[in-house]
Amino acid sequence: MKKINFLLALLISFSSLFSQQIQKTGTTAAQILKINAGPKAIGMGGAFCATANDAYSFYWNPAGISNIQTAEAAFSHMDLYSSMLYYNYASGAFYIDGVGSVGLFVNSLSTDEMPVRTLENPEGTGEMFGYNSLVLGLGFA
């Protein structure tokens, strides 16, 4: 068994040496998940997972809504980078006696229309683009 594990690890190591590396500069996914939500959590420097106990818990630790004993709602709006990027967060949770807490959240990140710029056309190509990202969630604890 040890010999098979060793051979498998060796094969994976060699295959990574010969795999083609693809680099796409400036292309990333799910950047909306890197922007922190909630003033209390941001004020704590993002160290909020263990203490999440309000409607912002959906972002930090969804199990935190189990601490909600009434109905709660949270709303945030931020203009980022000189009002070019807009971040919105809304969540709500309520307690059902004998069942638990149920809630939902909406998180969005968007931009205004901007000109497409390239190295050949630094003033713009005449084309426009915009960015929109949406995260929806439903939770029970």
N, C-alpha and C. Protein backbone atom coordinates (compact mmCIF):
# COMPACT_ATOMS: atom_id res chain seq x y z
N MET A 1 0.82 -1.20 0.00
CA MET A 1 0.00 0.00 0.00
C MET A 1 0.86 1.26 0.00
N LYS A 2 1.97 1.21 0.79
CA LYS A 2 2.86 2.35 0.85
C LYS A 2 3.50 2.60 -0.51
N LYS A 3 3.78 1.51 -1.23
CA LYS A 3 4.42 1.63 -2.54
C LYS A 3 3.46 2.29 -3.53
N ILE A 4 2.17 1.96 -3.46
CA ILE A 4 1.16 2.55 -4.35
C ILE A 4 1.01 4.03 -4.05
N ASN A 5 0.96 4.41 -2.76
CA ASN A 5 0.84 5.82 -2.38
C ASN A 5 2.06 6.62 -2.85
N PHE A 6 3.25 6.01 -2.70
CA PHE A 6 4.46 6.69 -3.14
C PHE A 6 4.45 6.90 -4.65
N LEU A 7 4.06 5.85 -5.40
CA LEU A 7 4.00 5.97 -6.86
C LEU A 7 2.96 7.00 -7.30
N LEU A 8 1.84 7.03 -6.61
CA LEU A 8 0.80 8.01 -6.93
C LEU A 8 1.29 9.43 -6.67
N ALA A 9 1.95 9.66 -5.55
CA ALA A 9 2.51 10.98 -5.23
C ALA A 9 3.57 11.38 -6.24
N LEU A 10 4.39 10.43 -6.66
CA LEU A 10 5.43 10.69 -7.65
C LEU A 10 4.81 11.05 -8.99
N LEU A 11 3.77 10.33 -9.39
CA LEU A 11 3.09 10.61 -10.65
C LEU A 11 2.45 11.99 -10.66
N ILE A 12 1.82 12.37 -9.55
CA ILE A 12 1.20 13.69 -9.46
C ILE A 12 2.26 14.78 -9.53
N SER A 13 3.40 14.55 -8.87
CA SER A 13 4.49 15.53 -8.90
C SER A 13 5.02 15.73 -10.31
N PHE A 14 5.25 14.63 -11.03
CA PHE A 14 5.77 14.75 -12.39
C PHE A 14 4.75 15.33 -13.35
N SER A 15 3.48 15.02 -13.15
CA SER A 15 2.45 15.56 -14.05
C SER A 15 2.33 17.08 -13.89
N SER A 16 2.56 17.58 -12.68
CA SER A 16 2.49 19.03 -12.50
C SER A 16 3.66 19.73 -13.17
N LEU A 17 4.79 19.05 -13.34
CA LEU A 17 5.93 19.65 -14.03
C LEU A 17 5.64 19.87 -15.51
N PHE A 18 4.88 18.94 -16.09
CA PHE A 18 4.63 19.00 -17.52
C PHE A 18 3.30 19.62 -17.90
N SER A 19 2.49 20.00 -16.91
CA SER A 19 1.20 20.62 -17.22
C SER A 19 1.43 22.03 -17.74
N GLN A 20 0.55 22.45 -18.60
CA GLN A 20 0.66 23.77 -19.21
C GLN A 20 0.16 24.82 -18.22
N GLN A 21 0.95 25.85 -18.01
CA GLN A 21 0.57 26.95 -17.12
C GLN A 21 -0.21 27.98 -17.93
N ILE A 22 -1.40 28.31 -17.48
CA ILE A 22 -2.22 29.31 -18.15
C ILE A 22 -2.28 30.53 -17.25
N GLN A 23 -1.89 31.67 -17.81
CA GLN A 23 -1.94 32.90 -17.04
C GLN A 23 -2.86 33.88 -17.75
N LYS A 24 -3.80 34.39 -17.02
CA LYS A 24 -4.73 35.40 -17.53
C LYS A 24 -4.64 36.59 -16.60
N THR A 25 -3.79 37.52 -16.93
CA THR A 25 -3.58 38.68 -16.09
C THR A 25 -4.85 39.51 -15.98
N GLY A 26 -5.22 39.84 -14.77
CA GLY A 26 -6.38 40.70 -14.55
C GLY A 26 -7.71 39.99 -14.56
N THR A 27 -7.74 38.69 -14.64
CA THR A 27 -9.01 37.97 -14.62
C THR A 27 -9.10 37.16 -13.34
N THR A 28 -10.11 37.42 -12.55
CA THR A 28 -10.35 36.71 -11.31
C THR A 28 -11.84 36.45 -11.17
N ALA A 29 -12.18 35.61 -10.24
CA ALA A 29 -13.58 35.29 -10.03
C ALA A 29 -13.96 35.50 -8.56
N ALA A 30 -15.20 35.79 -8.33
CA ALA A 30 -15.79 35.90 -7.00
C ALA A 30 -15.11 36.94 -6.12
N GLN A 31 -14.75 38.07 -6.68
CA GLN A 31 -14.14 39.14 -5.90
C GLN A 31 -15.11 39.71 -4.87
N ILE A 32 -16.40 39.52 -5.11
CA ILE A 32 -17.41 40.02 -4.16
C ILE A 32 -17.24 39.36 -2.79
N LEU A 33 -16.70 38.16 -2.75
CA LEU A 33 -16.54 37.45 -1.49
C LEU A 33 -15.36 37.95 -0.67
N LYS A 34 -14.54 38.83 -1.23
CA LYS A 34 -13.39 39.37 -0.51
C LYS A 34 -13.70 40.69 0.19
N ILE A 35 -14.88 41.25 -0.04
CA ILE A 35 -15.25 42.52 0.59
C ILE A 35 -16.05 42.21 1.85
N ASN A 36 -15.55 42.68 2.98
CA ASN A 36 -16.18 42.39 4.27
C ASN A 36 -17.52 43.11 4.41
N ALA A 37 -18.42 42.49 5.17
CA ALA A 37 -19.75 43.05 5.41
C ALA A 37 -19.94 43.29 6.90
N GLY A 38 -20.58 44.41 7.22
CA GLY A 38 -20.95 44.70 8.60
C GLY A 38 -19.96 45.60 9.30
N PRO A 39 -20.44 46.71 9.89
CA PRO A 39 -19.54 47.66 10.54
C PRO A 39 -18.83 47.08 11.77
N LYS A 40 -19.52 46.27 12.55
CA LYS A 40 -18.89 45.69 13.74
C LYS A 40 -17.76 44.75 13.35
N ALA A 41 -17.99 43.93 12.34
CA ALA A 41 -16.98 42.98 11.88
C ALA A 41 -15.80 43.70 11.23
N ILE A 42 -16.07 44.73 10.45
CA ILE A 42 -14.99 45.49 9.82
C ILE A 42 -14.17 46.19 10.88
N GLY A 43 -14.83 46.72 11.90
CA GLY A 43 -14.14 47.38 13.01
C GLY A 43 -13.26 46.42 13.79
N MET A 44 -13.60 45.15 13.78
CA MET A 44 -12.79 44.14 14.45
C MET A 44 -11.71 43.58 13.52
N GLY A 45 -11.55 44.16 12.36
CA GLY A 45 -10.53 43.71 11.42
C GLY A 45 -10.85 42.38 10.77
N GLY A 46 -12.12 42.02 10.74
CA GLY A 46 -12.53 40.77 10.11
C GLY A 46 -12.49 39.57 11.04
N ALA A 47 -12.14 39.77 12.30
CA ALA A 47 -12.08 38.67 13.26
C ALA A 47 -13.47 38.51 13.89
N PHE A 48 -14.42 38.02 13.11
CA PHE A 48 -15.81 38.01 13.54
C PHE A 48 -16.45 36.63 13.46
N CYS A 49 -15.77 35.63 12.92
CA CYS A 49 -16.39 34.31 12.74
C CYS A 49 -16.92 33.72 14.04
N ALA A 50 -16.14 33.79 15.09
CA ALA A 50 -16.54 33.17 16.35
C ALA A 50 -17.60 33.98 17.09
N THR A 51 -17.69 35.28 16.82
CA THR A 51 -18.64 36.12 17.55
C THR A 51 -19.85 36.51 16.71
N ALA A 52 -19.99 35.97 15.51
CA ALA A 52 -21.10 36.33 14.63
C ALA A 52 -22.42 35.96 15.30
N ASN A 53 -23.25 36.98 15.55
CA ASN A 53 -24.50 36.74 16.27
C ASN A 53 -25.62 37.67 15.82
N ASP A 54 -25.50 38.23 14.63
CA ASP A 54 -26.53 39.14 14.15
C ASP A 54 -26.84 38.82 12.69
N ALA A 55 -27.55 39.72 12.02
CA ALA A 55 -27.96 39.45 10.64
C ALA A 55 -26.78 39.43 9.66
N TYR A 56 -25.62 39.99 10.06
CA TYR A 56 -24.42 39.90 9.22
C TYR A 56 -23.75 38.53 9.33
N SER A 57 -24.28 37.68 10.17
CA SER A 57 -23.70 36.34 10.35
C SER A 57 -23.68 35.54 9.05
N PHE A 58 -24.60 35.81 8.16
CA PHE A 58 -24.61 35.06 6.90
C PHE A 58 -23.29 35.18 6.17
N TYR A 59 -22.67 36.33 6.24
CA TYR A 59 -21.39 36.52 5.56
C TYR A 59 -20.26 35.82 6.31
N TRP A 60 -20.23 35.96 7.63
CA TRP A 60 -19.10 35.49 8.43
C TRP A 60 -19.22 34.05 8.88
N ASN A 61 -20.37 33.67 9.39
CA ASN A 61 -20.58 32.32 9.91
C ASN A 61 -22.08 32.09 9.98
N PRO A 62 -22.67 31.43 8.97
CA PRO A 62 -24.13 31.26 8.93
C PRO A 62 -24.73 30.61 10.17
N ALA A 63 -23.96 29.82 10.89
CA ALA A 63 -24.48 29.21 12.12
C ALA A 63 -24.76 30.25 13.19
N GLY A 64 -24.21 31.45 13.04
CA GLY A 64 -24.43 32.51 14.02
C GLY A 64 -25.86 32.99 14.09
N ILE A 65 -26.67 32.72 13.07
CA ILE A 65 -28.08 33.16 13.14
C ILE A 65 -28.86 32.35 14.17
N SER A 66 -28.26 31.27 14.67
CA SER A 66 -28.94 30.51 15.73
C SER A 66 -29.03 31.32 17.02
N ASN A 67 -28.22 32.37 17.14
CA ASN A 67 -28.26 33.25 18.32
C ASN A 67 -29.34 34.32 18.22
N ILE A 68 -29.99 34.44 17.09
CA ILE A 68 -31.03 35.44 16.91
C ILE A 68 -32.32 34.94 17.54
N GLN A 69 -32.88 35.70 18.46
CA GLN A 69 -34.10 35.29 19.17
C GLN A 69 -35.31 36.11 18.76
N THR A 70 -35.14 37.11 17.90
CA THR A 70 -36.24 37.94 17.39
C THR A 70 -36.07 38.03 15.88
N ALA A 71 -36.57 39.08 15.28
CA ALA A 71 -36.34 39.33 13.86
C ALA A 71 -35.27 40.41 13.72
N GLU A 72 -34.34 40.21 12.78
CA GLU A 72 -33.28 41.19 12.55
C GLU A 72 -33.11 41.40 11.05
N ALA A 73 -32.70 42.60 10.71
CA ALA A 73 -32.38 42.92 9.32
C ALA A 73 -31.11 43.76 9.30
N ALA A 74 -30.35 43.65 8.23
CA ALA A 74 -29.11 44.41 8.08
C ALA A 74 -28.99 44.88 6.64
N PHE A 75 -28.58 46.12 6.47
CA PHE A 75 -28.41 46.70 5.13
C PHE A 75 -27.10 47.48 5.09
N SER A 76 -26.34 47.32 4.02
CA SER A 76 -25.10 48.08 3.83
C SER A 76 -25.01 48.52 2.38
N HIS A 77 -24.46 49.71 2.19
CA HIS A 77 -24.14 50.20 0.85
C HIS A 77 -22.80 50.92 0.94
N MET A 78 -21.88 50.59 0.04
CA MET A 78 -20.58 51.25 0.01
C MET A 78 -20.24 51.65 -1.41
N ASP A 79 -19.74 52.86 -1.56
CA ASP A 79 -19.16 53.31 -2.82
C ASP A 79 -17.65 53.12 -2.69
N LEU A 80 -17.09 52.30 -3.54
CA LEU A 80 -15.67 52.00 -3.46
C LEU A 80 -14.92 52.62 -4.63
N TYR A 81 -13.68 52.99 -4.39
CA TYR A 81 -12.79 53.48 -5.43
C TYR A 81 -13.39 54.66 -6.20
N SER A 82 -13.62 55.74 -5.49
CA SER A 82 -14.12 56.99 -6.07
C SER A 82 -15.47 56.80 -6.76
N SER A 83 -16.35 56.08 -6.14
CA SER A 83 -17.72 55.85 -6.64
C SER A 83 -17.75 55.18 -8.01
N MET A 84 -16.80 54.30 -8.26
CA MET A 84 -16.81 53.53 -9.50
C MET A 84 -17.38 52.14 -9.27
N LEU A 85 -17.32 51.68 -8.03
CA LEU A 85 -17.72 50.33 -7.69
C LEU A 85 -18.72 50.42 -6.55
N TYR A 86 -19.83 49.70 -6.67
CA TYR A 86 -20.90 49.78 -5.67
C TYR A 86 -21.10 48.41 -5.03
N TYR A 87 -21.07 48.38 -3.72
CA TYR A 87 -21.25 47.16 -2.96
C TYR A 87 -22.50 47.28 -2.11
N ASN A 88 -23.40 46.31 -2.21
CA ASN A 88 -24.65 46.31 -1.44
C ASN A 88 -24.81 44.97 -0.73
N TYR A 89 -25.29 45.03 0.48
CA TYR A 89 -25.53 43.83 1.27
C TYR A 89 -26.85 44.01 2.01
N ALA A 90 -27.69 43.01 1.96
CA ALA A 90 -28.94 43.03 2.72
C ALA A 90 -29.20 41.62 3.23
N SER A 91 -29.60 41.54 4.48
CA SER A 91 -29.94 40.23 5.03
C SER A 91 -31.03 40.39 6.08
N GLY A 92 -31.72 39.33 6.31
CA GLY A 92 -32.77 39.32 7.33
C GLY A 92 -32.91 37.92 7.89
N ALA A 93 -33.20 37.84 9.17
CA ALA A 93 -33.38 36.55 9.82
C ALA A 93 -34.45 36.69 10.90
N PHE A 94 -35.16 35.63 11.14
CA PHE A 94 -36.15 35.66 12.21
C PHE A 94 -36.20 34.29 12.88
N TYR A 95 -36.62 34.32 14.13
CA TYR A 95 -36.68 33.12 14.95
C TYR A 95 -38.09 32.52 14.90
N ILE A 96 -38.17 31.22 14.68
CA ILE A 96 -39.44 30.50 14.72
C ILE A 96 -39.40 29.62 15.98
N ASP A 97 -40.31 29.89 16.89
CA ASP A 97 -40.32 29.21 18.17
C ASP A 97 -40.41 27.69 17.99
N GLY A 98 -39.49 26.98 18.61
CA GLY A 98 -39.48 25.53 18.54
C GLY A 98 -38.86 24.96 17.28
N VAL A 99 -38.49 25.81 16.33
CA VAL A 99 -37.91 25.33 15.07
C VAL A 99 -36.47 25.79 14.93
N GLY A 100 -36.23 27.10 15.03
CA GLY A 100 -34.90 27.66 14.87
C GLY A 100 -34.96 28.99 14.14
N SER A 101 -33.84 29.45 13.69
CA SER A 101 -33.76 30.72 12.97
C SER A 101 -33.64 30.48 11.48
N VAL A 102 -34.36 31.28 10.71
CA VAL A 102 -34.36 31.19 9.26
C VAL A 102 -34.06 32.58 8.71
N GLY A 103 -33.31 32.63 7.62
CA GLY A 103 -33.02 33.93 7.04
C GLY A 103 -32.51 33.83 5.62
N LEU A 104 -32.32 34.98 5.03
CA LEU A 104 -31.78 35.05 3.67
C LEU A 104 -30.92 36.29 3.53
N PHE A 105 -30.06 36.27 2.49
CA PHE A 105 -29.22 37.45 2.24
C PHE A 105 -29.01 37.64 0.75
N VAL A 106 -28.73 38.88 0.39
CA VAL A 106 -28.42 39.27 -0.98
C VAL A 106 -27.17 40.14 -0.90
N ASN A 107 -26.23 39.87 -1.76
CA ASN A 107 -24.96 40.59 -1.79
C ASN A 107 -24.69 40.94 -3.25
N SER A 108 -24.42 42.20 -3.56
CA SER A 108 -24.17 42.56 -4.96
C SER A 108 -22.98 43.50 -5.08
N LEU A 109 -22.30 43.40 -6.20
CA LEU A 109 -21.17 44.25 -6.54
C LEU A 109 -21.35 44.65 -7.99
N SER A 110 -21.29 45.95 -8.28
CA SER A 110 -21.53 46.41 -9.65
C SER A 110 -20.74 47.68 -9.94
N THR A 111 -20.61 47.99 -11.21
CA THR A 111 -19.96 49.21 -11.66
C THR A 111 -20.85 49.94 -12.64
N ASP A 112 -20.53 51.21 -12.86
CA ASP A 112 -21.15 51.94 -13.95
C ASP A 112 -20.50 51.49 -15.25
N GLU A 113 -21.08 51.89 -16.36
CA GLU A 113 -20.46 51.60 -17.65
C GLU A 113 -19.14 52.36 -17.76
N MET A 114 -18.11 51.67 -18.23
CA MET A 114 -16.77 52.26 -18.39
C MET A 114 -16.26 51.96 -19.79
N PRO A 115 -15.38 52.82 -20.32
CA PRO A 115 -14.82 52.54 -21.64
C PRO A 115 -13.79 51.42 -21.59
N VAL A 116 -13.74 50.63 -22.65
CA VAL A 116 -12.73 49.59 -22.79
C VAL A 116 -11.43 50.27 -23.22
N ARG A 117 -10.38 50.05 -22.48
CA ARG A 117 -9.07 50.65 -22.79
C ARG A 117 -8.06 49.54 -23.05
N THR A 118 -7.19 49.74 -24.01
CA THR A 118 -6.13 48.79 -24.33
C THR A 118 -4.81 49.55 -24.41
N LEU A 119 -3.71 48.81 -24.55
CA LEU A 119 -2.42 49.46 -24.72
C LEU A 119 -2.37 50.26 -26.01
N GLU A 120 -3.05 49.75 -27.05
CA GLU A 120 -3.07 50.46 -28.33
C GLU A 120 -3.99 51.67 -28.31
N ASN A 121 -5.06 51.61 -27.50
CA ASN A 121 -6.05 52.69 -27.40
C ASN A 121 -6.25 53.07 -25.93
N PRO A 122 -5.30 53.80 -25.34
CA PRO A 122 -5.43 54.13 -23.92
C PRO A 122 -6.57 55.09 -23.61
N GLU A 123 -7.09 55.79 -24.60
CA GLU A 123 -8.22 56.70 -24.39
C GLU A 123 -9.56 56.00 -24.59
N GLY A 124 -9.53 54.76 -25.01
CA GLY A 124 -10.76 53.99 -25.20
C GLY A 124 -10.92 53.52 -26.62
N THR A 125 -11.58 52.37 -26.77
CA THR A 125 -11.82 51.79 -28.09
C THR A 125 -13.18 52.17 -28.65
N GLY A 126 -13.98 52.84 -27.87
CA GLY A 126 -15.35 53.16 -28.29
C GLY A 126 -16.35 52.17 -27.72
N GLU A 127 -15.88 51.05 -27.19
CA GLU A 127 -16.74 50.06 -26.57
C GLU A 127 -16.87 50.37 -25.08
N MET A 128 -17.95 49.92 -24.51
CA MET A 128 -18.20 50.12 -23.07
C MET A 128 -18.41 48.75 -22.42
N PHE A 129 -18.13 48.69 -21.12
CA PHE A 129 -18.39 47.46 -20.37
C PHE A 129 -18.81 47.83 -18.95
N GLY A 130 -19.47 46.90 -18.31
CA GLY A 130 -19.87 47.05 -16.92
C GLY A 130 -19.75 45.71 -16.23
N TYR A 131 -19.75 45.73 -14.92
CA TYR A 131 -19.58 44.50 -14.13
C TYR A 131 -20.72 44.39 -13.13
N ASN A 132 -21.30 43.21 -13.02
CA ASN A 132 -22.33 42.93 -12.03
C ASN A 132 -22.10 41.54 -11.45
N SER A 133 -22.20 41.43 -10.15
CA SER A 133 -22.06 40.14 -9.49
C SER A 133 -23.12 40.08 -8.40
N LEU A 134 -23.72 38.91 -8.23
CA LEU A 134 -24.81 38.75 -7.27
C LEU A 134 -24.64 37.44 -6.52
N VAL A 135 -24.78 37.49 -5.20
CA VAL A 135 -24.74 36.30 -4.37
C VAL A 135 -26.05 36.25 -3.58
N LEU A 136 -26.74 35.13 -3.63
CA LEU A 136 -27.97 34.93 -2.88
C LEU A 136 -27.79 33.77 -1.92
N GLY A 137 -28.38 33.87 -0.76
CA GLY A 137 -28.25 32.77 0.19
C GLY A 137 -29.48 32.62 1.06
N LEU A 138 -29.68 31.41 1.50
CA LEU A 138 -30.80 31.07 2.38
C LEU A 138 -30.21 30.20 3.49
N GLY A 139 -30.58 30.46 4.72
CA GLY A 139 -29.99 29.72 5.82
C GLY A 139 -31.00 29.32 6.90
N PHE A 140 -30.64 28.26 7.60
CA PHE A 140 -31.43 27.77 8.71
C PHE A 140 -30.46 27.28 9.80
N ALA A 141 -30.70 27.70 11.01
CA ALA A 141 -29.85 27.24 12.12
C ALA A 141 -30.70 27.03 13.37
